[in-house]
Amino acid sequence: MPAAPKISINLLGLEQQEHTPVGRFIGWVTTYGRYIMVTTEMIVLVAFLSRFSLDRQLTDLKDEIQQKQDIIAANQDLEIEFRQTQDSLNKIKTILTTQEIPTKTINILHSLLPSGTYFQTLSINKNKITSQVSSLTVQSFSQFLINLSSTKQLSSIEIGTVDKQTVQGIQYTLSAELAQAQIMQPAKK
């Protein structure tokens, strides 16, 4: 049998299509438009496939965050203890740097005390001294008053509530302020 002739039907009319705006648009869509469509579909497929890796990364990050939160929660007691220790060390440092003021003040007062005179109570607040003092004899009382008045390390010295008892001797209250030169700065290390 002879080969059947190839039949081609063109309803658009190629000769007329090339010269009209609609024909040019259809020609462009059928040639370049399909390349654009294929490229767009490839971009969509890449985005779709990359979503799987992004989901995996998101899951890994959530797991990592949860692990770190668990570690922080487990070490919270240690951190609280560490902060408390650090606060205690800061308080100790403050005490050690200001401790020299009472020590020097006690040394000054000790150098002023004659024999037979002693402190029943002694309170030192920054630059103010208050005390309850006992002197066994009138001589030790007068010598202590002379020593207090002759020192330049104390100012605003006040003796109050003098009471003489037979067994304990002369009891009196003492209040004084350290002279400005004696107020010490914290010790430098």
C-alpha atoms as a PDB file:
ATOM      1  CA  MET A   1       0.000   0.000   0.000  1.00  0.00           C
ATOM      2  CA  PRO A   2       1.255   3.343  -0.803  1.00  0.00           C
ATOM      3  CA  ALA A   3       2.155   5.683   2.043  1.00  0.00           C
ATOM      4  CA  ALA A   4      -0.629   7.901   3.133  1.00  0.00           C
ATOM      5  CA  PRO A   5      -0.012  11.504   2.459  1.00  0.00           C
ATOM      6  CA  LYS A   6       0.724  13.637   5.536  1.00  0.00           C
ATOM      7  CA  ILE A   7      -2.169  15.887   6.297  1.00  0.00           C
ATOM      8  CA  SER A   8      -1.524  19.158   8.090  1.00  0.00           C
ATOM      9  CA  ILE A   9      -4.288  21.481   9.195  1.00  0.00           C
ATOM     10  CA  ASN A  10      -3.407  24.998  10.270  1.00  0.00           C
ATOM     11  CA  LEU A  11      -6.381  26.975  11.510  1.00  0.00           C
ATOM     12  CA  LEU A  12      -4.329  29.981  12.569  1.00  0.00           C
ATOM     13  CA  GLY A  13      -2.848  30.825   9.252  1.00  0.00           C
ATOM     14  CA  LEU A  14       0.901  31.313   9.627  1.00  0.00           C
ATOM     15  CA  GLU A  15       1.244  33.922   6.925  1.00  0.00           C
ATOM     16  CA  GLN A  16      -1.200  36.240   8.602  1.00  0.00           C
ATOM     17  CA  GLN A  17      -0.059  35.426  12.125  1.00  0.00           C
ATOM     18  CA  GLU A  18       3.395  36.902  11.774  1.00  0.00           C
ATOM     19  CA  HIS A  19       2.106  40.383  10.881  1.00  0.00           C
ATOM     20  CA  THR A  20      -0.631  40.939  13.516  1.00  0.00           C
ATOM     21  CA  PRO A  21      -0.013  41.809  17.189  1.00  0.00           C
ATOM     22  CA  VAL A  22      -2.023  38.799  18.338  1.00  0.00           C
ATOM     23  CA  GLY A  23      -0.077  36.586  15.996  1.00  0.00           C
ATOM     24  CA  ARG A  24       3.247  37.913  17.230  1.00  0.00           C
ATOM     25  CA  PHE A  25       2.164  37.376  20.836  1.00  0.00           C
ATOM     26  CA  ILE A  26       1.091  33.788  20.105  1.00  0.00           C
ATOM     27  CA  GLY A  27       4.378  33.167  18.317  1.00  0.00           C
ATOM     28  CA  TRP A  28       6.328  34.562  21.259  1.00  0.00           C
ATOM     29  CA  VAL A  29       4.327  32.502  23.786  1.00  0.00           C
ATOM     30  CA  THR A  30       4.842  29.310  21.812  1.00  0.00           C
ATOM     31  CA  THR A  31       8.627  29.821  21.544  1.00  0.00           C
ATOM     32  CA  TYR A  32      10.011  31.878  24.464  1.00  0.00           C
ATOM     33  CA  GLY A  33       7.041  31.421  26.773  1.00  0.00           C
ATOM     34  CA  ARG A  34       7.625  27.715  27.123  1.00  0.00           C
ATOM     35  CA  TYR A  35      11.280  28.368  28.177  1.00  0.00           C
ATOM     36  CA  ILE A  36      10.022  30.772  30.804  1.00  0.00           C
ATOM     37  CA  MET A  37       7.468  28.242  32.033  1.00  0.00           C
ATOM     38  CA  VAL A  38      10.057  25.452  32.229  1.00  0.00           C
ATOM     39  CA  THR A  39      12.465  27.736  34.140  1.00  0.00           C
ATOM     40  CA  THR A  40       9.687  28.784  36.555  1.00  0.00           C
ATOM     41  CA  GLU A  41       8.720  25.147  37.159  1.00  0.00           C
ATOM     42  CA  MET A  42      12.369  24.284  37.857  1.00  0.00           C
ATOM     43  CA  ILE A  43      12.591  27.130  40.402  1.00  0.00           C
ATOM     44  CA  VAL A  44       9.387  25.901  42.082  1.00  0.00           C
ATOM     45  CA  LEU A  45      10.757  22.325  42.205  1.00  0.00           C
ATOM     46  CA  VAL A  46      14.060  23.535  43.713  1.00  0.00           C
ATOM     47  CA  ALA A  47      12.132  25.549  46.330  1.00  0.00           C
ATOM     48  CA  PHE A  48       9.942  22.560  47.104  1.00  0.00           C
ATOM     49  CA  LEU A  49      12.934  20.220  47.469  1.00  0.00           C
ATOM     50  CA  SER A  50      14.935  22.735  49.523  1.00  0.00           C
ATOM     51  CA  ARG A  51      12.043  22.905  51.986  1.00  0.00           C
ATOM     52  CA  PHE A  52      12.950  19.405  53.175  1.00  0.00           C
ATOM     53  CA  SER A  53      16.491  20.443  54.067  1.00  0.00           C
ATOM     54  CA  LEU A  54      15.242  23.670  55.680  1.00  0.00           C
ATOM     55  CA  ASP A  55      12.737  21.680  57.752  1.00  0.00           C
ATOM     56  CA  ARG A  56      15.541  19.394  58.893  1.00  0.00           C
ATOM     57  CA  GLN A  57      17.719  22.361  59.853  1.00  0.00           C
ATOM     58  CA  LEU A  58      14.808  23.905  61.775  1.00  0.00           C
ATOM     59  CA  THR A  59      14.247  20.652  63.665  1.00  0.00           C
ATOM     60  CA  ASP A  60      17.972  20.401  64.475  1.00  0.00           C
ATOM     61  CA  LEU A  61      18.009  23.996  65.763  1.00  0.00           C
ATOM     62  CA  LYS A  62      14.953  23.370  67.953  1.00  0.00           C
ATOM     63  CA  ASP A  63      16.630  20.261  69.408  1.00  0.00           C
ATOM     64  CA  GLU A  64      19.837  22.205  70.045  1.00  0.00           C
ATOM     65  CA  ILE A  65      17.920  25.013  71.778  1.00  0.00           C
ATOM     66  CA  GLN A  66      16.103  22.473  73.953  1.00  0.00           C
ATOM     67  CA  GLN A  67      19.398  20.819  74.926  1.00  0.00           C
ATOM     68  CA  LYS A  68      20.914  24.172  75.878  1.00  0.00           C
ATOM     69  CA  GLN A  69      17.830  25.086  77.906  1.00  0.00           C
ATOM     70  CA  ASP A  70      18.116  21.767  79.746  1.00  0.00           C
ATOM     71  CA  ILE A  71      21.797  22.446  80.476  1.00  0.00           C
ATOM     72  CA  ILE A  72      20.964  25.925  81.792  1.00  0.00           C
ATOM     73  CA  ALA A  73      18.163  24.524  83.961  1.00  0.00           C
ATOM     74  CA  ALA A  74      20.477  21.830  85.325  1.00  0.00           C
ATOM     75  CA  ASN A  75      23.167  24.387  86.211  1.00  0.00           C
ATOM     76  CA  GLN A  76      20.804  26.971  87.665  1.00  0.00           C
ATOM     77  CA  ASP A  77      21.490  25.913  91.272  1.00  0.00           C
ATOM     78  CA  LEU A  78      25.224  26.114  90.631  1.00  0.00           C
ATOM     79  CA  GLU A  79      24.842  29.576  89.129  1.00  0.00           C
ATOM     80  CA  ILE A  80      22.797  30.775  92.127  1.00  0.00           C
ATOM     81  CA  GLU A  81      25.427  29.400  94.496  1.00  0.00           C
ATOM     82  CA  PHE A  82      28.185  31.006  92.427  1.00  0.00           C
ATOM     83  CA  ARG A  83      26.443  34.400  92.503  1.00  0.00           C
ATOM     84  CA  GLN A  84      25.897  34.147  96.261  1.00  0.00           C
ATOM     85  CA  THR A  85      29.573  33.294  96.740  1.00  0.00           C
ATOM     86  CA  GLN A  86      30.558  36.216  94.540  1.00  0.00           C
ATOM     87  CA  ASP A  87      28.338  38.572  96.578  1.00  0.00           C
ATOM     88  CA  SER A  88      29.880  37.242  99.788  1.00  0.00           C
ATOM     89  CA  LEU A  89      33.368  37.804  98.409  1.00  0.00           C
ATOM     90  CA  ASN A  90      32.466  41.384  97.491  1.00  0.00           C
ATOM     91  CA  LYS A  91      31.158  41.992 101.020  1.00  0.00           C
ATOM     92  CA  ILE A  92      34.316  40.475 102.503  1.00  0.00           C
ATOM     93  CA  LYS A  93      36.449  42.686 100.272  1.00  0.00           C
ATOM     94  CA  THR A  94      34.539  45.746 101.470  1.00  0.00           C
ATOM     95  CA  ILE A  95      34.957  44.721 105.091  1.00  0.00           C
ATOM     96  CA  LEU A  96      38.668  44.054 104.661  1.00  0.00           C
ATOM     97  CA  THR A  97      39.284  47.420 103.014  1.00  0.00           C
ATOM     98  CA  THR A  98      37.404  49.331 105.726  1.00  0.00           C
ATOM     99  CA  GLN A  99      38.642  47.176 108.610  1.00  0.00           C
ATOM    100  CA  GLU A 100      41.785  49.221 109.031  1.00  0.00           C
ATOM    101  CA  ILE A 101      39.827  52.245 110.329  1.00  0.00           C
ATOM    102  CA  PRO A 102      38.569  50.513 113.536  1.00  0.00           C
ATOM    103  CA  THR A 103      41.938  48.813 114.040  1.00  0.00           C
ATOM    104  CA  LYS A 104      43.823  52.114 113.908  1.00  0.00           C
ATOM    105  CA  THR A 105      41.210  53.730 116.142  1.00  0.00           C
ATOM    106  CA  ILE A 106      41.545  50.963 118.736  1.00  0.00           C
ATOM    107  CA  ASN A 107      45.327  51.323 118.630  1.00  0.00           C
ATOM    108  CA  ILE A 108      44.993  55.090 119.180  1.00  0.00           C
ATOM    109  CA  LEU A 109      42.639  54.571 122.133  1.00  0.00           C
ATOM    110  CA  HIS A 110      44.874  51.881 123.596  1.00  0.00           C
ATOM    111  CA  SER A 111      47.867  54.220 123.476  1.00  0.00           C
ATOM    112  CA  LEU A 112      45.837  56.843 125.381  1.00  0.00           C
ATOM    113  CA  LEU A 113      44.668  54.486 128.162  1.00  0.00           C
ATOM    114  CA  PRO A 114      46.635  54.718 131.427  1.00  0.00           C
ATOM    115  CA  SER A 115      46.882  51.715 133.721  1.00  0.00           C
ATOM    116  CA  GLY A 116      43.777  51.246 135.806  1.00  0.00           C
ATOM    117  CA  THR A 117      41.432  52.446 133.034  1.00  0.00           C
ATOM    118  CA  TYR A 118      39.530  50.122 130.730  1.00  0.00           C
ATOM    119  CA  PHE A 119      36.575  50.129 128.342  1.00  0.00           C
ATOM    120  CA  GLN A 120      33.396  48.343 129.346  1.00  0.00           C
ATOM    121  CA  THR A 121      31.838  48.990 125.927  1.00  0.00           C
ATOM    122  CA  LEU A 122      33.333  50.459 122.781  1.00  0.00           C
ATOM    123  CA  SER A 123      31.480  51.400 119.606  1.00  0.00           C
ATOM    124  CA  ILE A 124      33.227  52.723 116.508  1.00  0.00           C
ATOM    125  CA  ASN A 125      31.073  54.017 113.644  1.00  0.00           C
ATOM    126  CA  LYS A 126      33.093  55.443 110.766  1.00  0.00           C
ATOM    127  CA  ASN A 127      34.528  58.547 112.462  1.00  0.00           C
ATOM    128  CA  LYS A 128      32.594  58.521 115.777  1.00  0.00           C
ATOM    129  CA  ILE A 129      33.591  56.739 118.974  1.00  0.00           C
ATOM    130  CA  THR A 130      31.243  56.057 121.896  1.00  0.00           C
ATOM    131  CA  SER A 131      32.279  54.123 124.973  1.00  0.00           C
ATOM    132  CA  GLN A 132      31.516  53.284 128.569  1.00  0.00           C
ATOM    133  CA  VAL A 133      34.795  53.658 130.465  1.00  0.00           C
ATOM    134  CA  SER A 134      35.858  52.690 133.997  1.00  0.00           C
ATOM    135  CA  SER A 135      38.855  54.138 135.867  1.00  0.00           C
ATOM    136  CA  LEU A 136      39.860  52.508 139.137  1.00  0.00           C
ATOM    137  CA  THR A 137      41.477  55.633 140.597  1.00  0.00           C
ATOM    138  CA  VAL A 138      41.129  59.384 140.313  1.00  0.00           C
ATOM    139  CA  GLN A 139      44.732  59.540 139.020  1.00  0.00           C
ATOM    140  CA  SER A 140      43.993  57.158 136.114  1.00  0.00           C
ATOM    141  CA  PHE A 141      40.820  59.128 135.352  1.00  0.00           C
ATOM    142  CA  SER A 142      42.682  62.457 135.279  1.00  0.00           C
ATOM    143  CA  GLN A 143      45.570  60.980 133.265  1.00  0.00           C
ATOM    144  CA  PHE A 144      43.111  59.633 130.683  1.00  0.00           C
ATOM    145  CA  LEU A 145      41.474  63.084 130.417  1.00  0.00           C
ATOM    146  CA  ILE A 146      44.919  64.695 129.945  1.00  0.00           C
ATOM    147  CA  ASN A 147      45.817  62.127 127.269  1.00  0.00           C
ATOM    148  CA  LEU A 148      42.503  62.698 125.457  1.00  0.00           C
ATOM    149  CA  SER A 149      42.860  66.470 125.466  1.00  0.00           C
ATOM    150  CA  SER A 150      46.484  66.384 124.301  1.00  0.00           C
ATOM    151  CA  THR A 151      45.928  64.112 121.295  1.00  0.00           C
ATOM    152  CA  LYS A 152      45.289  65.611 117.875  1.00  0.00           C
ATOM    153  CA  GLN A 153      43.809  62.359 116.584  1.00  0.00           C
ATOM    154  CA  LEU A 154      40.467  62.903 118.365  1.00  0.00           C
ATOM    155  CA  SER A 155      38.171  65.909 118.294  1.00  0.00           C
ATOM    156  CA  SER A 156      34.843  66.877 119.874  1.00  0.00           C
ATOM    157  CA  ILE A 157      35.657  64.881 123.007  1.00  0.00           C
ATOM    158  CA  GLU A 158      32.767  64.704 125.460  1.00  0.00           C
ATOM    159  CA  ILE A 159      32.703  63.081 128.893  1.00  0.00           C
ATOM    160  CA  GLY A 160      29.261  62.434 130.277  1.00  0.00           C
ATOM    161  CA  THR A 161      27.454  60.615 133.073  1.00  0.00           C
ATOM    162  CA  VAL A 162      30.310  60.409 135.584  1.00  0.00           C
ATOM    163  CA  ASP A 163      29.499  58.021 138.443  1.00  0.00           C
ATOM    164  CA  LYS A 164      31.802  56.977 141.278  1.00  0.00           C
ATOM    165  CA  GLN A 165      31.307  53.513 142.740  1.00  0.00           C
ATOM    166  CA  THR A 166      33.280  51.909 145.534  1.00  0.00           C
ATOM    167  CA  VAL A 167      34.139  48.631 143.799  1.00  0.00           C
ATOM    168  CA  GLN A 168      34.416  49.601 140.112  1.00  0.00           C
ATOM    169  CA  GLY A 169      35.837  53.081 140.548  1.00  0.00           C
ATOM    170  CA  ILE A 170      34.812  55.966 138.347  1.00  0.00           C
ATOM    171  CA  GLN A 171      32.450  55.082 135.492  1.00  0.00           C
ATOM    172  CA  TYR A 172      31.711  57.542 132.701  1.00  0.00           C
ATOM    173  CA  THR A 173      30.691  57.746 129.073  1.00  0.00           C
ATOM    174  CA  LEU A 174      33.037  58.976 126.394  1.00  0.00           C
ATOM    175  CA  SER A 175      32.164  60.196 122.916  1.00  0.00           C
ATOM    176  CA  ALA A 176      34.618  61.625 120.416  1.00  0.00           C
ATOM    177  CA  GLU A 177      35.170  62.039 116.738  1.00  0.00           C
ATOM    178  CA  LEU A 178      38.249  61.102 114.808  1.00  0.00           C
ATOM    179  CA  ALA A 179      40.082  64.132 113.483  1.00  0.00           C
ATOM    180  CA  GLN A 180      39.788  64.620 109.715  1.00  0.00           C
ATOM    181  CA  ALA A 181      43.399  63.535 109.188  1.00  0.00           C
ATOM    182  CA  GLN A 182      42.618  60.220 110.895  1.00  0.00           C
ATOM    183  CA  ILE A 183      39.678  59.272 108.683  1.00  0.00           C
ATOM    184  CA  MET A 184      41.355  56.754 106.480  1.00  0.00           C
ATOM    185  CA  GLN A 185      40.778  55.803 102.908  1.00  0.00           C
ATOM    186  CA  PRO A 186      40.294  52.085 102.136  1.00  0.00           C
ATOM    187  CA  ALA A 187      43.592  50.231 102.139  1.00  0.00           C
ATOM    188  CA  LYS A 188      45.250  49.984  98.730  1.00  0.00           C
ATOM    189  CA  LYS A 189      46.657  46.667  97.634  1.00  0.00           C
END
